[in-house]
Amino acid sequence: MAVDWATHLPTMYNFWDNVVFHTNQYSGNPMQVHKEIHGLHNFTPTDFKQWYQLFSQTVDELFAGENSELIKQRALSISTMMQIKIASGQSLLK
C-alpha cells in the first residue's frame, strides 16, 4: 500500500505535537483512519510491535529528556489501544 508522505508527515507532526505539547494543531480521527487501513491491510501484532520499536528507536536517536520519555509512553499507550480496538481478538504487544 502506498502512502502519500507529503500529506501524511505534516499530519503526523501535528498529531504528535498535540500529544506532547497540547498544541491543538491536529484535528482528525486517527482511530477511524487506521480502522479503514486495517480493512485494506490486516494489521498484525507484529506490525504494532515493529512500529513501536521504530518509533522508540527514532525518538532515542533524535531526542533526550522528559518529553522524549513521555512521547514514547504515550506512543505505547496509543499503539496498544489501537491494537485492542482495531485488531481485536489478537494478542497485545509483548
Protein backbone atom coordinates (compact mmCIF):
# COMPACT_ATOMS: atom_id res chain seq x y z
CA MET A 1 0.00 0.00 0.00
CA ALA A 2 1.41 3.37 -1.00
CA VAL A 3 1.48 6.26 1.45
CA ASP A 4 1.34 9.88 0.34
CA TRP A 5 4.13 11.01 2.67
CA ALA A 6 3.92 14.65 1.59
CA THR A 7 0.41 14.72 3.05
CA HIS A 8 0.84 12.21 5.86
CA LEU A 9 4.00 13.59 7.51
CA PRO A 10 2.61 17.06 8.36
CA THR A 11 -0.50 15.37 9.78
CA MET A 12 1.68 13.10 11.93
CA TYR A 13 3.81 16.02 13.10
CA ASN A 14 0.69 17.90 14.19
CA PHE A 15 -0.70 14.81 15.91
CA TRP A 16 2.45 14.14 17.96
CA ASP A 17 2.97 17.85 18.75
CA ASN A 18 -0.55 17.83 20.15
CA VAL A 19 0.05 14.59 22.10
CA VAL A 20 3.04 16.08 23.93
CA PHE A 21 2.53 19.84 23.87
CA HIS A 22 -1.29 20.15 23.59
CA THR A 23 -0.98 22.50 20.58
CA ASN A 24 -4.47 21.83 19.19
CA GLN A 25 -2.88 21.82 15.73
CA TYR A 26 -4.29 18.36 14.99
CA SER A 27 -7.86 17.62 14.08
CA GLY A 28 -8.89 14.23 12.91
CA ASN A 29 -9.73 10.74 14.00
CA PRO A 30 -6.62 8.54 13.79
CA MET A 31 -8.54 5.52 15.11
CA GLN A 32 -11.05 5.70 12.25
CA VAL A 33 -8.35 6.23 9.64
CA HIS A 34 -6.38 3.25 10.89
CA LYS A 35 -9.53 1.10 11.02
CA GLU A 36 -10.01 1.90 7.32
CA ILE A 37 -6.40 0.99 6.59
CA HIS A 38 -6.84 -2.22 8.59
CA GLY A 39 -9.66 -3.07 6.18
CA LEU A 40 -7.17 -2.86 3.31
CA HIS A 41 -4.15 -4.32 5.10
CA ASN A 42 -4.79 -6.54 8.09
CA PHE A 43 -2.63 -5.17 10.92
CA THR A 44 -0.98 -7.88 12.98
CA PRO A 45 0.58 -7.81 16.45
CA THR A 46 3.95 -7.86 14.67
CA ASP A 47 3.04 -4.65 12.81
CA PHE A 48 2.25 -2.86 16.06
CA LYS A 49 5.40 -4.14 17.74
CA GLN A 50 7.60 -3.16 14.79
CA TRP A 51 6.02 0.31 14.61
CA TYR A 52 6.64 0.94 18.31
CA GLN A 53 10.23 -0.30 18.12
CA LEU A 54 10.96 2.03 15.16
CA PHE A 55 9.20 4.94 16.85
CA SER A 56 11.02 4.44 20.13
CA GLN A 57 14.39 3.97 18.41
CA THR A 58 13.90 7.16 16.38
CA VAL A 59 12.98 9.15 19.49
CA ASP A 60 16.06 7.81 21.31
CA GLU A 61 18.30 8.75 18.37
CA LEU A 62 16.96 12.29 17.98
CA PHE A 63 15.79 13.43 21.41
CA ALA A 64 16.53 13.18 25.12
CA GLY A 65 14.77 14.24 28.28
CA GLU A 66 11.40 14.19 29.91
CA ASN A 67 9.36 14.83 26.74
CA SER A 68 11.10 12.02 24.86
CA GLU A 69 10.10 9.58 27.59
CA LEU A 70 6.57 11.00 27.63
CA ILE A 71 6.10 10.61 23.88
CA LYS A 72 7.35 7.00 23.98
CA GLN A 73 4.97 6.22 26.84
CA ARG A 74 2.04 7.81 25.01
CA ALA A 75 3.00 6.07 21.76
CA LEU A 76 2.91 2.71 23.50
CA SER A 77 -0.48 3.52 25.03
CA ILE A 78 -1.90 4.67 21.70
CA SER A 79 -0.49 1.65 19.90
CA THR A 80 -1.92 -0.71 22.49
CA MET A 81 -5.37 0.90 22.32
CA MET A 82 -5.33 0.82 18.53
CA GLN A 83 -4.41 -2.82 18.59
CA ILE A 84 -7.23 -3.60 21.02
CA LYS A 85 -9.83 -1.60 19.09
CA ILE A 86 -8.70 -2.30 15.53
CA ALA A 87 -7.25 -5.77 15.64
CA SER A 88 -9.43 -7.17 18.40
CA GLY A 89 -9.00 -10.80 19.16
CA GLN A 90 -5.27 -10.66 18.53
CA SER A 91 -2.70 -10.66 21.31
CA LEU A 92 -1.32 -7.44 22.79
CA LEU A 93 2.22 -6.16 22.36
CA LYS A 94 4.72 -8.27 24.23
